[in-house]
Amino acid sequence: VSAAGAGVRVHVPVPLAFTNTRLTTIEARAALPPQ
């Protein structure tokens, strides 16, 4: 998880089927104003 301005960026690894290695990483972003 990393800060991206007022929001965050989350990087989730995609595992390779039937192994413990990583195939790629998926990134998602979201932002909410401070409460």
All heavy atoms as atom14 arrays in JSON, in Angstrom:
{
  "sequence": "VSAAGAGVRVHVPVPLAFTNTRLTTIEARAALPPQ",
  "atom14_mask": [
    [1, 1, 1, 1, 1, 1, 1, 0, 0, 0, 0, 0, 0, 0],
    [1, 1, 1, 1, 1, 1, 0, 0, 0, 0, 0, 0, 0, 0],
    [1, 1, 1, 1, 1, 0, 0, 0, 0, 0, 0, 0, 0, 0],
    [1, 1, 1, 1, 1, 0, 0, 0, 0, 0, 0, 0, 0, 0],
    [1, 1, 1, 1, 0, 0, 0, 0, 0, 0, 0, 0, 0, 0],
    [1, 1, 1, 1, 1, 0, 0, 0, 0, 0, 0, 0, 0, 0],
    [1, 1, 1, 1, 0, 0, 0, 0, 0, 0, 0, 0, 0, 0],
    [1, 1, 1, 1, 1, 1, 1, 0, 0, 0, 0, 0, 0, 0],
    [1, 1, 1, 1, 1, 1, 1, 1, 1, 1, 1, 0, 0, 0],
    [1, 1, 1, 1, 1, 1, 1, 0, 0, 0, 0, 0, 0, 0],
    [1, 1, 1, 1, 1, 1, 1, 1, 1, 1, 0, 0, 0, 0],
    [1, 1, 1, 1, 1, 1, 1, 0, 0, 0, 0, 0, 0, 0],
    [1, 1, 1, 1, 1, 1, 1, 0, 0, 0, 0, 0, 0, 0],
    [1, 1, 1, 1, 1, 1, 1, 0, 0, 0, 0, 0, 0, 0],
    [1, 1, 1, 1, 1, 1, 1, 0, 0, 0, 0, 0, 0, 0],
    [1, 1, 1, 1, 1, 1, 1, 1, 0, 0, 0, 0, 0, 0],
    [1, 1, 1, 1, 1, 0, 0, 0, 0, 0, 0, 0, 0, 0],
    [1, 1, 1, 1, 1, 1, 1, 1, 1, 1, 1, 0, 0, 0],
    [1, 1, 1, 1, 1, 1, 1, 0, 0, 0, 0, 0, 0, 0],
    [1, 1, 1, 1, 1, 1, 1, 1, 0, 0, 0, 0, 0, 0],
    [1, 1, 1, 1, 1, 1, 1, 0, 0, 0, 0, 0, 0, 0],
    [1, 1, 1, 1, 1, 1, 1, 1, 1, 1, 1, 0, 0, 0],
    [1, 1, 1, 1, 1, 1, 1, 1, 0, 0, 0, 0, 0, 0],
    [1, 1, 1, 1, 1, 1, 1, 0, 0, 0, 0, 0, 0, 0],
    [1, 1, 1, 1, 1, 1, 1, 0, 0, 0, 0, 0, 0, 0],
    [1, 1, 1, 1, 1, 1, 1, 1, 0, 0, 0, 0, 0, 0],
    [1, 1, 1, 1, 1, 1, 1, 1, 1, 0, 0, 0, 0, 0],
    [1, 1, 1, 1, 1, 0, 0, 0, 0, 0, 0, 0, 0, 0],
    [1, 1, 1, 1, 1, 1, 1, 1, 1, 1, 1, 0, 0, 0],
    [1, 1, 1, 1, 1, 0, 0, 0, 0, 0, 0, 0, 0, 0],
    [1, 1, 1, 1, 1, 0, 0, 0, 0, 0, 0, 0, 0, 0],
    [1, 1, 1, 1, 1, 1, 1, 1, 0, 0, 0, 0, 0, 0],
    [1, 1, 1, 1, 1, 1, 1, 0, 0, 0, 0, 0, 0, 0],
    [1, 1, 1, 1, 1, 1, 1, 0, 0, 0, 0, 0, 0, 0],
    [1, 1, 1, 1, 1, 1, 1, 1, 1, 0, 0, 0, 0, 0]
  ],
  "atom14_positions": [
    [[0.86, -1.18, 0.0], [0.0, 0.0, 0.0], [0.89, 1.23, 0.0], [1.85, 1.31, 0.77], [-0.92, 0.02, 1.24], [-1.74, 1.29, 1.28], [-1.84, -1.19, 1.24], [0.0, 0.0, 0.0], [0.0, 0.0, 0.0], [0.0, 0.0, 0.0], [0.0, 0.0, 0.0], [0.0, 0.0, 0.0], [0.0, 0.0, 0.0], [0.0, 0.0, 0.0]],
    [[0.59, 2.19, -0.88], [1.35, 3.43, -0.91], [0.38, 4.6, -1.03], [-0.71, 4.47, -1.58], [2.34, 3.44, -2.08], [1.66, 3.26, -3.3], [0.0, 0.0, 0.0], [0.0, 0.0, 0.0], [0.0, 0.0, 0.0], [0.0, 0.0, 0.0], [0.0, 0.0, 0.0], [0.0, 0.0, 0.0], [0.0, 0.0, 0.0], [0.0, 0.0, 0.0]],
    [[0.79, 5.75, -0.49], [-0.04, 6.95, -0.56], [0.0, 7.5, -1.97], [1.04, 7.5, -2.63], [0.46, 7.99, 0.43], [0.0, 0.0, 0.0], [0.0, 0.0, 0.0], [0.0, 0.0, 0.0], [0.0, 0.0, 0.0], [0.0, 0.0, 0.0], [0.0, 0.0, 0.0], [0.0, 0.0, 0.0], [0.0, 0.0, 0.0], [0.0, 0.0, 0.0]],
    [[-1.15, 7.95, -2.44], [-1.26, 8.55, -3.78], [-2.08, 9.83, -3.65], [-3.28, 9.84, -3.9], [-1.92, 7.57, -4.75], [0.0, 0.0, 0.0], [0.0, 0.0, 0.0], [0.0, 0.0, 0.0], [0.0, 0.0, 0.0], [0.0, 0.0, 0.0], [0.0, 0.0, 0.0], [0.0, 0.0, 0.0], [0.0, 0.0, 0.0], [0.0, 0.0, 0.0]],
    [[-1.43, 10.9, -3.23], [-2.15, 12.16, -3.03], [-3.09, 12.02, -1.85], [-2.68, 11.71, -0.74], [0.0, 0.0, 0.0], [0.0, 0.0, 0.0], [0.0, 0.0, 0.0], [0.0, 0.0, 0.0], [0.0, 0.0, 0.0], [0.0, 0.0, 0.0], [0.0, 0.0, 0.0], [0.0, 0.0, 0.0], [0.0, 0.0, 0.0], [0.0, 0.0, 0.0]],
    [[-4.39, 12.23, -2.08], [-5.38, 12.12, -1.02], [-5.86, 10.68, -0.86], [-6.63, 10.39, 0.03], [-6.57, 13.02, -1.33], [0.0, 0.0, 0.0], [0.0, 0.0, 0.0], [0.0, 0.0, 0.0], [0.0, 0.0, 0.0], [0.0, 0.0, 0.0], [0.0, 0.0, 0.0], [0.0, 0.0, 0.0], [0.0, 0.0, 0.0], [0.0, 0.0, 0.0]],
    [[-5.41, 9.79, -1.72], [-5.87, 8.41, -1.68], [-4.73, 7.43, -1.47], [-3.66, 7.77, -0.99], [0.0, 0.0, 0.0], [0.0, 0.0, 0.0], [0.0, 0.0, 0.0], [0.0, 0.0, 0.0], [0.0, 0.0, 0.0], [0.0, 0.0, 0.0], [0.0, 0.0, 0.0], [0.0, 0.0, 0.0], [0.0, 0.0, 0.0], [0.0, 0.0, 0.0]],
    [[-5.0, 6.2, -1.87], [-4.01, 5.13, -1.73], [-3.93, 4.31, -3.01], [-4.87, 4.3, -3.81], [-4.35, 4.19, -0.55], [-4.25, 4.89, 0.77], [-5.71, 3.57, -0.73], [0.0, 0.0, 0.0], [0.0, 0.0, 0.0], [0.0, 0.0, 0.0], [0.0, 0.0, 0.0], [0.0, 0.0, 0.0], [0.0, 0.0, 0.0], [0.0, 0.0, 0.0]],
    [[-2.8, 3.66, -3.19], [-2.59, 2.68, -4.25], [-2.31, 1.35, -3.59], [-1.45, 1.27, -2.72], [-1.4, 3.05, -5.11], [-1.76, 3.73, -6.38], [-0.56, 3.82, -7.25], [-0.06, 5.18, -7.13], [1.06, 5.61, -7.64], [1.86, 4.79, -8.25], [1.41, 6.85, -7.53], [0.0, 0.0, 0.0], [0.0, 0.0, 0.0], [0.0, 0.0, 0.0]],
    [[-3.01, 0.32, -4.02], [-2.82, -1.02, -3.46], [-2.33, -1.92, -4.57], [-2.9, -1.96, -5.66], [-4.13, -1.55, -2.86], [-3.96, -2.98, -2.37], [-4.6, -0.66, -1.72], [0.0, 0.0, 0.0], [0.0, 0.0, 0.0], [0.0, 0.0, 0.0], [0.0, 0.0, 0.0], [0.0, 0.0, 0.0], [0.0, 0.0, 0.0], [0.0, 0.0, 0.0]],
    [[-1.25, -2.65, -4.3], [-0.68, -3.6, -5.25], [-0.89, -5.0, -4.68], [-0.37, -5.32, -3.6], [0.81, -3.35, -5.46], [1.11, -1.98, -5.96], [1.17, -1.67, -7.29], [1.33, -0.81, -5.31], [1.43, -0.4, -7.44], [1.53, 0.15, -6.24], [0.0, 0.0, 0.0], [0.0, 0.0, 0.0], [0.0, 0.0, 0.0], [0.0, 0.0, 0.0]],
    [[-1.65, -5.82, -5.4], [-1.95, -7.18, -4.96], [-1.27, -8.15, -5.91], [-1.49, -8.09, -7.12], [-3.48, -7.43, -4.93], [-3.78, -8.86, -4.56], [-4.15, -6.47, -3.98], [0.0, 0.0, 0.0], [0.0, 0.0, 0.0], [0.0, 0.0, 0.0], [0.0, 0.0, 0.0], [0.0, 0.0, 0.0], [0.0, 0.0, 0.0], [0.0, 0.0, 0.0]],
    [[-0.45, -9.07, -5.4], [0.21, -10.04, -6.29], [-0.75, -11.12, -6.76], [-1.64, -11.53, -6.04], [1.3, -10.64, -5.39], [0.76, -10.51, -4.01], [-0.06, -9.24, -4.01], [0.0, 0.0, 0.0], [0.0, 0.0, 0.0], [0.0, 0.0, 0.0], [0.0, 0.0, 0.0], [0.0, 0.0, 0.0], [0.0, 0.0, 0.0], [0.0, 0.0, 0.0]],
    [[-0.56, -11.54, -8.01], [-1.34, -12.64, -8.58], [-0.45, -13.88, -8.56], [0.57, -13.91, -9.25], [-1.78, -12.33, -10.03], [-2.56, -13.51, -10.6], [-2.59, -11.06, -10.08], [0.0, 0.0, 0.0], [0.0, 0.0, 0.0], [0.0, 0.0, 0.0], [0.0, 0.0, 0.0], [0.0, 0.0, 0.0], [0.0, 0.0, 0.0], [0.0, 0.0, 0.0]],
    [[-0.81, -14.9, -7.79], [0.03, -16.09, -7.74], [-0.13, -16.93, -9.01], [-1.19, -16.95, -9.62], [-0.48, -16.84, -6.52], [-1.88, -16.38, -6.33], [-1.93, -14.99, -6.87], [0.0, 0.0, 0.0], [0.0, 0.0, 0.0], [0.0, 0.0, 0.0], [0.0, 0.0, 0.0], [0.0, 0.0, 0.0], [0.0, 0.0, 0.0], [0.0, 0.0, 0.0]],
    [[0.94, -17.59, -9.38], [0.89, -18.54, -10.49], [0.22, -19.8, -9.98], [0.49, -20.25, -8.87], [2.31, -18.84, -10.98], [2.47, -19.58, -12.29], [1.81, -18.81, -13.43], [3.94, -19.78, -12.6], [0.0, 0.0, 0.0], [0.0, 0.0, 0.0], [0.0, 0.0, 0.0], [0.0, 0.0, 0.0], [0.0, 0.0, 0.0], [0.0, 0.0, 0.0]],
    [[-0.68, -20.37, -10.76], [-1.47, -21.52, -10.32], [-0.57, -22.67, -9.88], [0.37, -23.02, -10.57], [-2.39, -21.98, -11.45], [0.0, 0.0, 0.0], [0.0, 0.0, 0.0], [0.0, 0.0, 0.0], [0.0, 0.0, 0.0], [0.0, 0.0, 0.0], [0.0, 0.0, 0.0], [0.0, 0.0, 0.0], [0.0, 0.0, 0.0], [0.0, 0.0, 0.0]],
    [[-0.87, -23.21, -8.72], [-0.22, -24.38, -8.14], [1.25, -24.16, -7.78], [1.99, -25.12, -7.63], [-0.36, -25.6, -9.06], [-1.78, -25.92, -9.39], [-2.26, -25.76, -10.68], [-2.65, -26.34, -8.41], [-3.57, -26.04, -10.99], [-3.98, -26.61, -8.71], [-4.44, -26.47, -9.99], [0.0, 0.0, 0.0], [0.0, 0.0, 0.0], [0.0, 0.0, 0.0]],
    [[1.69, -22.91, -7.66], [3.05, -22.62, -7.2], [2.99, -21.44, -6.24], [1.95, -20.81, -6.07], [3.98, -22.26, -8.37], [3.54, -21.03, -8.95], [4.04, -23.35, -9.41], [0.0, 0.0, 0.0], [0.0, 0.0, 0.0], [0.0, 0.0, 0.0], [0.0, 0.0, 0.0], [0.0, 0.0, 0.0], [0.0, 0.0, 0.0], [0.0, 0.0, 0.0]],
    [[4.1, -21.11, -5.64], [4.18, -19.95, -4.75], [4.82, -18.76, -5.43], [5.17, -17.8, -4.77], [4.95, -20.31, -3.48], [4.13, -21.16, -2.54], [2.9, -21.1, -2.58], [4.78, -21.94, -1.72], [0.0, 0.0, 0.0], [0.0, 0.0, 0.0], [0.0, 0.0, 0.0], [0.0, 0.0, 0.0], [0.0, 0.0, 0.0], [0.0, 0.0, 0.0]],
    [[5.01, -18.81, -6.73], [5.62, -17.69, -7.44], [4.55, -16.69, -7.87], [3.37, -17.02, -7.97], [6.4, -18.17, -8.67], [5.5, -18.86, -9.54], [7.53, -19.1, -8.26], [0.0, 0.0, 0.0], [0.0, 0.0, 0.0], [0.0, 0.0, 0.0], [0.0, 0.0, 0.0], [0.0, 0.0, 0.0], [0.0, 0.0, 0.0], [0.0, 0.0, 0.0]],
    [[4.99, -15.48, -8.14], [4.07, -14.41, -8.54], [4.05, -14.27, -10.05], [5.09, -14.19, -10.7], [4.51, -13.11, -7.89], [3.62, -11.96, -8.24], [3.96, -10.69, -7.56], [5.35, -10.6, -7.13], [5.81, -9.64, -6.37], [5.01, -8.71, -5.94], [7.07, -9.59, -6.04], [0.0, 0.0, 0.0], [0.0, 0.0, 0.0], [0.0, 0.0, 0.0]],
    [[2.86, -14.25, -10.62], [2.7, -14.07, -12.06], [2.8, -12.6, -12.43], [3.55, -12.22, -13.31], [1.35, -14.64, -12.51], [0.99, -14.51, -13.97], [1.97, -15.33, -14.82], [-0.42, -14.97, -14.23], [0.0, 0.0, 0.0], [0.0, 0.0, 0.0], [0.0, 0.0, 0.0], [0.0, 0.0, 0.0], [0.0, 0.0, 0.0], [0.0, 0.0, 0.0]],
    [[2.04, -11.77, -11.74], [2.04, -10.33, -11.98], [1.46, -9.65, -10.75], [1.15, -10.3, -9.76], [1.21, -9.97, -13.24], [1.37, -8.58, -13.52], [-0.25, -10.29, -13.07], [0.0, 0.0, 0.0], [0.0, 0.0, 0.0], [0.0, 0.0, 0.0], [0.0, 0.0, 0.0], [0.0, 0.0, 0.0], [0.0, 0.0, 0.0], [0.0, 0.0, 0.0]],
    [[1.3, -8.34, -10.82], [0.72, -7.57, -9.72], [-0.41, -6.71, -10.26], [-0.27, -6.09, -11.31], [1.79, -6.68, -9.07], [2.86, -7.5, -8.61], [1.23, -5.92, -7.9], [0.0, 0.0, 0.0], [0.0, 0.0, 0.0], [0.0, 0.0, 0.0], [0.0, 0.0, 0.0], [0.0, 0.0, 0.0], [0.0, 0.0, 0.0], [0.0, 0.0, 0.0]],
    [[-1.51, -6.69, -9.55], [-2.67, -5.87, -9.91], [-2.65, -4.63, -9.03], [-2.42, -4.7, -7.82], [-3.98, -6.65, -9.67], [-4.02, -7.95, -10.46], [-5.18, -5.78, -9.99], [-4.06, -7.78, -11.94], [0.0, 0.0, 0.0], [0.0, 0.0, 0.0], [0.0, 0.0, 0.0], [0.0, 0.0, 0.0], [0.0, 0.0, 0.0], [0.0, 0.0, 0.0]],
    [[-2.89, -3.47, -9.64], [-2.91, -2.21, -8.9], [-4.32, -1.64, -8.9], [-5.01, -1.67, -9.93], [-1.97, -1.2, -9.54], [-1.98, 0.13, -8.85], [-1.12, 1.16, -9.56], [-0.04, 0.79, -10.06], [-1.53, 2.33, -9.61], [0.0, 0.0, 0.0], [0.0, 0.0, 0.0], [0.0, 0.0, 0.0], [0.0, 0.0, 0.0], [0.0, 0.0, 0.0]],
    [[-4.75, -1.15, -7.75], [-6.04, -0.47, -7.63], [-5.84, 0.81, -6.83], [-4.97, 0.88, -5.96], [-7.06, -1.37, -6.96], [0.0, 0.0, 0.0], [0.0, 0.0, 0.0], [0.0, 0.0, 0.0], [0.0, 0.0, 0.0], [0.0, 0.0, 0.0], [0.0, 0.0, 0.0], [0.0, 0.0, 0.0], [0.0, 0.0, 0.0], [0.0, 0.0, 0.0]],
    [[-6.64, 1.8, -7.14], [-6.55, 3.09, -6.44], [-7.92, 3.45, -5.88], [-8.94, 3.13, -6.46], [-6.12, 4.18, -7.41], [-4.77, 3.98, -8.0], [-4.47, 5.06, -8.98], [-3.25, 4.73, -9.7], [-2.53, 5.61, -10.35], [-2.91, 6.87, -10.39], [-1.43, 5.24, -10.97], [0.0, 0.0, 0.0], [0.0, 0.0, 0.0], [0.0, 0.0, 0.0]],
    [[-7.88, 4.17, -4.77], [-9.1, 4.71, -4.17], [-8.74, 5.93, -3.35], [-7.61, 6.06, -2.86], [-9.77, 3.67, -3.28], [0.0, 0.0, 0.0], [0.0, 0.0, 0.0], [0.0, 0.0, 0.0], [0.0, 0.0, 0.0], [0.0, 0.0, 0.0], [0.0, 0.0, 0.0], [0.0, 0.0, 0.0], [0.0, 0.0, 0.0], [0.0, 0.0, 0.0]],
    [[-9.69, 6.84, -3.22], [-9.43, 8.07, -2.47], [-10.71, 8.48, -1.75], [-11.82, 8.35, -2.29], [-8.99, 9.18, -3.39], [0.0, 0.0, 0.0], [0.0, 0.0, 0.0], [0.0, 0.0, 0.0], [0.0, 0.0, 0.0], [0.0, 0.0, 0.0], [0.0, 0.0, 0.0], [0.0, 0.0, 0.0], [0.0, 0.0, 0.0], [0.0, 0.0, 0.0]],
    [[-10.53, 8.93, -0.54], [-11.61, 9.51, 0.26], [-11.05, 10.76, 0.96], [-9.89, 10.75, 1.38], [-12.11, 8.53, 1.32], [-13.0, 7.4, 0.84], [-13.27, 6.45, 1.99], [-14.3, 7.93, 0.3], [0.0, 0.0, 0.0], [0.0, 0.0, 0.0], [0.0, 0.0, 0.0], [0.0, 0.0, 0.0], [0.0, 0.0, 0.0], [0.0, 0.0, 0.0]],
    [[-11.85, 11.79, 1.14], [-11.35, 12.95, 1.88], [-11.22, 12.6, 3.35], [-11.91, 11.71, 3.87], [-12.44, 14.01, 1.65], [-13.66, 13.24, 1.31], [-13.2, 11.99, 0.64], [0.0, 0.0, 0.0], [0.0, 0.0, 0.0], [0.0, 0.0, 0.0], [0.0, 0.0, 0.0], [0.0, 0.0, 0.0], [0.0, 0.0, 0.0], [0.0, 0.0, 0.0]],
    [[-10.33, 13.28, 4.07], [-10.17, 13.01, 5.5], [-11.48, 13.23, 6.25], [-12.22, 14.19, 5.99], [-9.11, 14.01, 5.95], [-8.4, 14.41, 4.7], [-9.39, 14.29, 3.6], [0.0, 0.0, 0.0], [0.0, 0.0, 0.0], [0.0, 0.0, 0.0], [0.0, 0.0, 0.0], [0.0, 0.0, 0.0], [0.0, 0.0, 0.0], [0.0, 0.0, 0.0]],
    [[-11.77, 12.34, 7.18], [-13.0, 12.42, 7.98], [-12.64, 12.96, 9.36], [-11.6, 12.67, 9.9], [-13.63, 11.03, 8.13], [-13.89, 10.35, 6.82], [-14.94, 11.05, 5.99], [-16.02, 11.33, 6.48], [-14.63, 11.31, 4.74], [0.0, 0.0, 0.0], [0.0, 0.0, 0.0], [0.0, 0.0, 0.0], [0.0, 0.0, 0.0], [0.0, 0.0, 0.0]]
  ]
}
